[in-house]
Amino acid sequence: MNDWETPDDVRLSPRERVALLIIEAELRQDRRLVHRMRATHGRSRRRRGPWLPLAFLLLACASVFTAVVGIRTSDPWLLWCFALLWPLTLLQGFRLLCRATRRRPPSGGVTPWL
């Protein structure tokens, strides 16, 4: 099938072809629309990997470990490590929560965390 045929093998008249080309050119100039179309197309094609939940779990375990050991030993280096890890853990947890609550088109399934 070429660009000028529809699935039913109906050909467009020259006037309709020109009108269609003008409409397509105007739509390509709309940067927001092009960006949204690319973002939607990219999201539907790629499957999200388990990296965000995995990063959150590792950061949470490291934060809890450094907090507990730092408090028990009163080692300032461990407490500073906790102070650096905790904001990163909160950020990843917030991103994971946003992913889980993001609106998706109804697909008939349950919203996956991964």
C-alpha atoms as a PDB file:
ATOM      1  CA  MET A   1       0.000   0.000   0.000  1.00  0.00           C
ATOM      2  CA  ASN A   2       1.463   3.393  -0.914  1.00  0.00           C
ATOM      3  CA  ASP A   3       0.864   6.780   0.700  1.00  0.00           C
ATOM      4  CA  TRP A   4      -2.084   7.654  -1.519  1.00  0.00           C
ATOM      5  CA  GLU A   5      -4.208   4.563  -1.038  1.00  0.00           C
ATOM      6  CA  THR A   6      -6.486   3.665   1.799  1.00  0.00           C
ATOM      7  CA  PRO A   7      -6.910   0.077   2.966  1.00  0.00           C
ATOM      8  CA  ASP A   8      -9.919  -0.281   0.652  1.00  0.00           C
ATOM      9  CA  ASP A   9      -7.851   0.781  -2.385  1.00  0.00           C
ATOM     10  CA  VAL A  10      -9.713   4.065  -2.656  1.00  0.00           C
ATOM     11  CA  ARG A  11      -7.572   6.757  -4.236  1.00  0.00           C
ATOM     12  CA  LEU A  12      -7.596  10.363  -3.120  1.00  0.00           C
ATOM     13  CA  SER A  13      -8.198  13.133  -5.585  1.00  0.00           C
ATOM     14  CA  PRO A  14      -5.381  15.643  -6.170  1.00  0.00           C
ATOM     15  CA  ARG A  15      -7.307  18.268  -4.216  1.00  0.00           C
ATOM     16  CA  GLU A  16      -7.717  15.904  -1.260  1.00  0.00           C
ATOM     17  CA  ARG A  17      -4.011  14.986  -1.407  1.00  0.00           C
ATOM     18  CA  VAL A  18      -3.005  18.645  -1.213  1.00  0.00           C
ATOM     19  CA  ALA A  19      -5.392  19.258   1.679  1.00  0.00           C
ATOM     20  CA  LEU A  20      -3.998  16.227   3.493  1.00  0.00           C
ATOM     21  CA  LEU A  21      -0.404  17.350   2.945  1.00  0.00           C
ATOM     22  CA  ILE A  22      -1.224  20.820   4.311  1.00  0.00           C
ATOM     23  CA  ILE A  23      -2.847  19.339   7.405  1.00  0.00           C
ATOM     24  CA  GLU A  24       0.112  17.016   8.010  1.00  0.00           C
ATOM     25  CA  ALA A  25       2.587  19.882   7.601  1.00  0.00           C
ATOM     26  CA  GLU A  26       0.693  22.002  10.133  1.00  0.00           C
ATOM     27  CA  LEU A  27       0.564  19.123  12.598  1.00  0.00           C
ATOM     28  CA  ARG A  28       4.319  18.524  12.263  1.00  0.00           C
ATOM     29  CA  GLN A  29       4.961  22.177  13.160  1.00  0.00           C
ATOM     30  CA  ASP A  30       3.137  21.813  16.488  1.00  0.00           C
ATOM     31  CA  ARG A  31       6.064  20.947  18.752  1.00  0.00           C
ATOM     32  CA  ARG A  32       3.950  20.048  21.778  1.00  0.00           C
ATOM     33  CA  LEU A  33       1.912  17.588  19.745  1.00  0.00           C
ATOM     34  CA  VAL A  34       5.032  16.016  18.239  1.00  0.00           C
ATOM     35  CA  HIS A  35       6.570  15.703  21.710  1.00  0.00           C
ATOM     36  CA  ARG A  36       3.432  14.121  23.155  1.00  0.00           C
ATOM     37  CA  MET A  37       3.116  11.710  20.269  1.00  0.00           C
ATOM     38  CA  ARG A  38       6.728  10.591  20.657  1.00  0.00           C
ATOM     39  CA  ALA A  39       6.348  10.229  24.426  1.00  0.00           C
ATOM     40  CA  THR A  40       3.153   8.210  24.099  1.00  0.00           C
ATOM     41  CA  HIS A  41       4.605   6.048  21.363  1.00  0.00           C
ATOM     42  CA  GLY A  42       7.795   5.420  23.364  1.00  0.00           C
ATOM     43  CA  ARG A  43       5.904   4.508  26.523  1.00  0.00           C
ATOM     44  CA  SER A  44       3.707   2.001  24.803  1.00  0.00           C
ATOM     45  CA  ARG A  45       6.611   0.251  23.081  1.00  0.00           C
ATOM     46  CA  ARG A  46       9.135  -0.133  25.859  1.00  0.00           C
ATOM     47  CA  ARG A  47       8.628  -2.108  28.998  1.00  0.00           C
ATOM     48  CA  ARG A  48       9.870  -0.586  32.171  1.00  0.00           C
ATOM     49  CA  GLY A  49      12.662  -2.451  33.793  1.00  0.00           C
ATOM     50  CA  PRO A  50      12.831  -3.282  37.474  1.00  0.00           C
ATOM     51  CA  TRP A  51      15.509  -0.649  38.122  1.00  0.00           C
ATOM     52  CA  LEU A  52      13.419   1.894  40.037  1.00  0.00           C
ATOM     53  CA  PRO A  53      11.932  -0.562  42.569  1.00  0.00           C
ATOM     54  CA  LEU A  54      15.290  -2.290  42.893  1.00  0.00           C
ATOM     55  CA  ALA A  55      17.082   1.021  43.497  1.00  0.00           C
ATOM     56  CA  PHE A  56      14.489   1.992  46.087  1.00  0.00           C
ATOM     57  CA  LEU A  57      14.833  -1.308  47.941  1.00  0.00           C
ATOM     58  CA  LEU A  58      18.627  -1.150  47.957  1.00  0.00           C
ATOM     59  CA  LEU A  59      18.651   2.468  49.129  1.00  0.00           C
ATOM     60  CA  ALA A  60      16.078   1.704  51.830  1.00  0.00           C
ATOM     61  CA  CYS A  61      18.123  -1.254  53.114  1.00  0.00           C
ATOM     62  CA  ALA A  62      21.322   0.788  53.087  1.00  0.00           C
ATOM     63  CA  SER A  63      19.602   3.694  54.863  1.00  0.00           C
ATOM     64  CA  VAL A  64      18.191   1.483  57.597  1.00  0.00           C
ATOM     65  CA  PHE A  65      21.523  -0.301  58.024  1.00  0.00           C
ATOM     66  CA  THR A  66      23.549   2.917  58.281  1.00  0.00           C
ATOM     67  CA  ALA A  67      21.012   4.484  60.650  1.00  0.00           C
ATOM     68  CA  VAL A  68      20.924   1.506  63.013  1.00  0.00           C
ATOM     69  CA  VAL A  69      24.675   0.873  63.013  1.00  0.00           C
ATOM     70  CA  GLY A  70      25.447   4.604  63.190  1.00  0.00           C
ATOM     71  CA  ILE A  71      23.206   5.097  66.198  1.00  0.00           C
ATOM     72  CA  ARG A  72      24.505   2.004  67.991  1.00  0.00           C
ATOM     73  CA  THR A  73      28.173   2.845  67.425  1.00  0.00           C
ATOM     74  CA  SER A  74      27.850   6.665  67.442  1.00  0.00           C
ATOM     75  CA  ASP A  75      30.208   6.734  64.477  1.00  0.00           C
ATOM     76  CA  PRO A  76      29.834  10.123  62.744  1.00  0.00           C
ATOM     77  CA  TRP A  77      30.817   8.700  59.333  1.00  0.00           C
ATOM     78  CA  LEU A  78      27.929   6.248  59.387  1.00  0.00           C
ATOM     79  CA  LEU A  79      25.540   8.993  60.448  1.00  0.00           C
ATOM     80  CA  TRP A  80      26.767  11.171  57.565  1.00  0.00           C
ATOM     81  CA  CYS A  81      26.274   8.268  55.186  1.00  0.00           C
ATOM     82  CA  PHE A  82      22.715   7.984  56.437  1.00  0.00           C
ATOM     83  CA  ALA A  83      22.238  11.732  55.976  1.00  0.00           C
ATOM     84  CA  LEU A  84      23.314  11.348  52.341  1.00  0.00           C
ATOM     85  CA  LEU A  85      21.339   8.177  51.632  1.00  0.00           C
ATOM     86  CA  TRP A  86      18.031   9.171  53.205  1.00  0.00           C
ATOM     87  CA  PRO A  87      17.084  11.995  50.767  1.00  0.00           C
ATOM     88  CA  LEU A  88      17.942   9.739  47.814  1.00  0.00           C
ATOM     89  CA  THR A  89      15.760   7.016  49.293  1.00  0.00           C
ATOM     90  CA  LEU A  90      12.862   9.435  49.717  1.00  0.00           C
ATOM     91  CA  LEU A  91      13.274  10.675  46.149  1.00  0.00           C
ATOM     92  CA  GLN A  92      13.224   7.150  44.703  1.00  0.00           C
ATOM     93  CA  GLY A  93      10.237   6.245  46.875  1.00  0.00           C
ATOM     94  CA  PHE A  94       8.376   9.321  45.626  1.00  0.00           C
ATOM     95  CA  ARG A  95       9.175   8.414  42.005  1.00  0.00           C
ATOM     96  CA  LEU A  96       7.959   4.861  42.596  1.00  0.00           C
ATOM     97  CA  LEU A  97       4.743   6.161  44.150  1.00  0.00           C
ATOM     98  CA  CYS A  98       4.193   8.528  41.210  1.00  0.00           C
ATOM     99  CA  ARG A  99       4.691   5.649  38.772  1.00  0.00           C
ATOM    100  CA  ALA A 100       2.176   3.513  40.624  1.00  0.00           C
ATOM    101  CA  THR A 101      -0.500   6.228  40.721  1.00  0.00           C
ATOM    102  CA  ARG A 102       0.005   7.604  37.186  1.00  0.00           C
ATOM    103  CA  ARG A 103      -3.105   7.573  35.052  1.00  0.00           C
ATOM    104  CA  ARG A 104      -3.016   5.054  32.285  1.00  0.00           C
ATOM    105  CA  PRO A 105      -5.549   4.266  29.622  1.00  0.00           C
ATOM    106  CA  PRO A 106      -7.892   1.535  30.798  1.00  0.00           C
ATOM    107  CA  SER A 107      -6.448  -1.733  29.621  1.00  0.00           C
ATOM    108  CA  GLY A 108      -8.550  -4.009  31.738  1.00  0.00           C
ATOM    109  CA  GLY A 109      -5.635  -4.966  33.973  1.00  0.00           C
ATOM    110  CA  VAL A 110      -4.236  -4.015  37.328  1.00  0.00           C
ATOM    111  CA  THR A 111      -1.722  -1.160  37.463  1.00  0.00           C
ATOM    112  CA  PRO A 112       1.689  -2.838  37.797  1.00  0.00           C
ATOM    113  CA  TRP A 113       4.366  -1.520  40.139  1.00  0.00           C
ATOM    114  CA  LEU A 114       7.185  -2.772  37.977  1.00  0.00           C
END
